[in-house]
Amino acid sequence: MRVLQLLASLRSKGHAAAFDMDDLAQGRMTSRRIAGGPESEMRRAVLVATTLLAALVAFVQPVQAENRMWVAGENAKRRSCPSMECGIVGMLFYRETVIVYETDHEWSRITGYSNAGCYKGVSTFVESGRNDCSKENGISNGKFAEWVRSDFLAPAKPPYEPEIEG
């Protein structure tokens, strides 16, 4: 009965409705057959937006879980790509923690991709070694990530004193 009163109220306020009141009273109405004024359009817009958002969320791939590792060796060099041939952009210190974003064979990527500081084809961030802004050196579209050999990393905090190879 409340539905009938609401619909009668909408009709009296000038909202057109494409349905027969007798059909509604006898329960033969479906949501597909009810067409209304601005409120229905607003509900439809909200429904479409919500559906699109849900579809977008469903198709977005989840972010890879963080994999926090510890530096367990001395002289862990950060490089511009997963190769000993790539430029050195810094060092990691013993017992420092890093987040591993991906692994590629014996290498781990420990940063996101960022500006390589390319000027006249040379990266200003490379401290030593190969410094050209090229895909072979891990720099693409002016961006690079830092890589370290995976054997320098450990899942658990290493002992206080580093093992010294003799």
Protein backbone atom coordinates (compact mmCIF):
# COMPACT_ATOMS: atom_id res chain seq x y z
CA MET A 1 0.00 0.00 0.00
CA ARG A 2 2.87 2.39 0.75
CA VAL A 3 4.25 1.82 -2.74
CA LEU A 4 0.91 2.82 -4.25
CA GLN A 5 0.83 5.99 -2.15
CA LEU A 6 4.39 6.87 -3.15
CA LEU A 7 3.69 6.34 -6.84
CA ALA A 8 0.45 8.32 -6.65
CA SER A 9 2.39 11.12 -4.97
CA LEU A 10 5.01 11.09 -7.73
CA ARG A 11 2.33 11.14 -10.41
CA SER A 12 0.58 14.11 -8.73
CA LYS A 13 3.89 16.02 -8.74
CA GLY A 14 4.12 15.69 -12.49
CA HIS A 15 6.41 12.69 -12.80
CA ALA A 16 5.36 10.58 -15.72
CA ALA A 17 5.07 6.88 -15.05
CA ALA A 18 4.80 4.27 -17.76
CA PHE A 19 2.73 1.75 -15.86
CA ASP A 20 -0.83 0.90 -15.05
CA MET A 21 -1.87 1.34 -11.41
CA ASP A 22 -3.98 -1.83 -11.64
CA ASP A 23 -0.91 -3.84 -12.71
CA LEU A 24 1.00 -2.45 -9.76
CA ALA A 25 -1.79 -3.15 -7.30
CA GLN A 26 -2.05 -6.76 -8.47
CA GLY A 27 1.72 -7.33 -8.15
CA ARG A 28 2.36 -7.65 -11.88
CA MET A 29 4.88 -4.80 -12.00
CA THR A 30 8.58 -5.34 -12.36
CA SER A 31 11.32 -2.78 -11.87
CA ARG A 32 11.89 -2.87 -15.62
CA ARG A 33 8.39 -1.55 -16.28
CA ILE A 34 8.57 1.37 -13.87
CA ALA A 35 9.82 4.54 -15.46
CA GLY A 36 9.86 7.72 -13.52
CA GLY A 37 11.13 11.23 -13.28
CA PRO A 38 14.45 12.66 -12.17
CA GLU A 39 14.74 10.35 -9.16
CA SER A 40 14.77 7.30 -11.44
CA GLU A 41 17.40 8.88 -13.68
CA MET A 42 19.57 9.64 -10.67
CA ARG A 43 19.20 6.08 -9.37
CA ARG A 44 20.07 4.72 -12.80
CA ALA A 45 23.19 6.93 -12.98
CA VAL A 46 24.30 5.82 -9.52
CA LEU A 47 23.68 2.18 -10.41
CA VAL A 48 25.69 2.47 -13.64
CA ALA A 49 28.56 4.25 -11.86
CA THR A 50 28.61 1.64 -9.09
CA THR A 51 28.57 -1.21 -11.60
CA LEU A 52 31.43 0.32 -13.59
CA LEU A 53 33.46 0.85 -10.43
CA ALA A 54 32.88 -2.75 -9.34
CA ALA A 55 33.92 -4.02 -12.78
CA LEU A 56 37.07 -1.89 -12.70
CA VAL A 57 38.04 -3.16 -9.26
CA ALA A 58 37.43 -6.76 -10.37
CA PHE A 59 39.76 -6.42 -13.35
CA VAL A 60 42.57 -4.53 -11.65
CA GLN A 61 45.28 -6.98 -10.76
CA PRO A 62 46.21 -7.00 -7.09
CA VAL A 63 49.49 -5.42 -6.11
CA GLN A 64 52.16 -7.97 -5.39
CA ALA A 65 52.69 -8.51 -1.71
CA GLU A 66 55.69 -6.82 -0.18
CA ASN A 67 58.61 -9.10 0.41
CA ARG A 68 60.88 -7.46 2.98
CA MET A 69 64.41 -8.85 2.94
CA TRP A 70 67.63 -8.13 4.82
CA VAL A 71 71.02 -7.39 3.31
CA ALA A 72 73.16 -10.31 4.48
CA GLY A 73 76.43 -9.63 2.69
CA GLU A 74 79.05 -6.94 2.24
CA ASN A 75 79.51 -4.90 -0.94
CA ALA A 76 75.97 -5.37 -2.23
CA LYS A 77 75.95 -3.08 -5.24
CA ARG A 78 72.71 -1.51 -6.49
CA ARG A 79 72.62 -1.64 -10.28
CA SER A 80 70.47 -0.11 -13.00
CA CYS A 81 69.44 -3.51 -14.38
CA PRO A 82 69.68 -7.21 -13.45
CA SER A 83 73.16 -7.75 -14.86
CA MET A 84 76.78 -7.31 -13.74
CA GLU A 85 77.28 -5.29 -16.94
CA CYS A 86 74.90 -2.52 -15.80
CA GLY A 87 75.91 0.68 -14.04
CA ILE A 88 76.32 0.89 -10.27
CA VAL A 89 73.95 3.40 -8.68
CA GLY A 90 74.93 2.81 -5.04
CA MET A 91 75.57 0.30 -2.30
CA LEU A 92 73.47 -1.47 0.30
CA PHE A 93 74.72 -1.85 3.86
CA TYR A 94 74.83 -5.00 5.95
CA ARG A 95 71.55 -5.55 7.89
CA GLU A 96 69.73 -2.89 5.86
CA THR A 97 66.18 -3.86 4.91
CA VAL A 98 64.78 -3.65 1.40
CA ILE A 99 61.50 -4.51 -0.25
CA VAL A 100 61.78 -6.93 -3.15
CA TYR A 101 59.24 -6.02 -5.83
CA GLU A 102 60.20 -8.74 -8.29
CA THR A 103 62.92 -11.25 -9.02
CA ASP A 104 64.59 -12.05 -12.32
CA HIS A 105 66.73 -15.18 -12.10
CA GLU A 106 69.48 -14.30 -9.60
CA TRP A 107 68.47 -10.64 -9.25
CA SER A 108 65.93 -8.74 -7.13
CA ARG A 109 64.35 -5.39 -7.97
CA ILE A 110 64.37 -3.29 -4.80
CA THR A 111 62.82 -0.01 -5.97
CA GLY A 112 60.01 1.19 -8.15
CA TYR A 113 60.79 2.79 -11.49
CA SER A 114 61.87 6.42 -11.25
CA ASN A 115 63.60 9.16 -13.20
CA ALA A 116 67.09 8.15 -14.34
CA GLY A 117 68.33 11.74 -14.64
CA CYS A 118 69.26 11.35 -18.29
CA TYR A 119 71.12 14.29 -19.85
CA LYS A 120 72.65 14.02 -23.31
CA GLY A 121 72.15 10.25 -23.22
CA VAL A 122 73.92 9.73 -19.89
CA SER A 123 72.35 8.96 -16.50
CA THR A 124 73.47 11.27 -13.71
CA PHE A 125 72.54 8.65 -11.09
CA VAL A 126 75.09 6.05 -12.20
CA GLU A 127 78.11 6.34 -9.89
CA SER A 128 80.39 3.95 -11.78
CA GLY A 129 80.34 1.61 -14.73
CA ARG A 130 78.05 1.82 -17.70
CA ASN A 131 76.02 5.06 -17.57
CA ASP A 132 74.29 5.31 -20.95
CA CYS A 133 70.52 5.83 -20.98
CA SER A 134 69.66 2.70 -22.93
CA LYS A 135 67.43 -0.34 -22.53
CA GLU A 136 70.56 -2.49 -22.34
CA ASN A 137 71.53 -0.53 -19.21
CA GLY A 138 68.03 -0.87 -17.71
CA ILE A 139 66.90 2.65 -18.61
CA SER A 140 63.75 2.92 -20.70
CA ASN A 141 61.88 6.16 -21.43
CA GLY A 142 64.16 7.94 -18.95
CA LYS A 143 63.22 5.63 -16.06
CA PHE A 144 65.04 2.84 -14.23
CA ALA A 145 64.82 0.71 -11.10
CA GLU A 146 67.53 -0.51 -8.77
CA TRP A 147 68.54 -4.17 -8.75
CA VAL A 148 70.75 -6.22 -6.45
CA ARG A 149 71.98 -9.80 -6.67
CA SER A 150 69.57 -12.00 -4.73
CA ASP A 151 72.38 -13.89 -2.96
CA PHE A 152 73.08 -10.71 -0.95
CA LEU A 153 69.56 -10.85 0.54
CA ALA A 154 68.09 -13.01 3.30
CA PRO A 155 64.54 -13.38 4.62
CA ALA A 156 65.67 -13.16 8.28
CA LYS A 157 67.74 -10.55 10.06
CA PRO A 158 71.39 -11.63 9.83
CA PRO A 159 73.69 -11.87 12.89
CA TYR A 160 75.24 -8.68 14.20
CA GLU A 161 78.69 -9.31 12.74
CA PRO A 162 78.99 -10.04 9.01
CA GLU A 163 80.67 -13.24 7.93
CA ILE A 164 84.10 -12.38 6.62
CA GLU A 165 85.28 -14.50 3.77
CA GLY A 166 88.86 -15.41 4.19
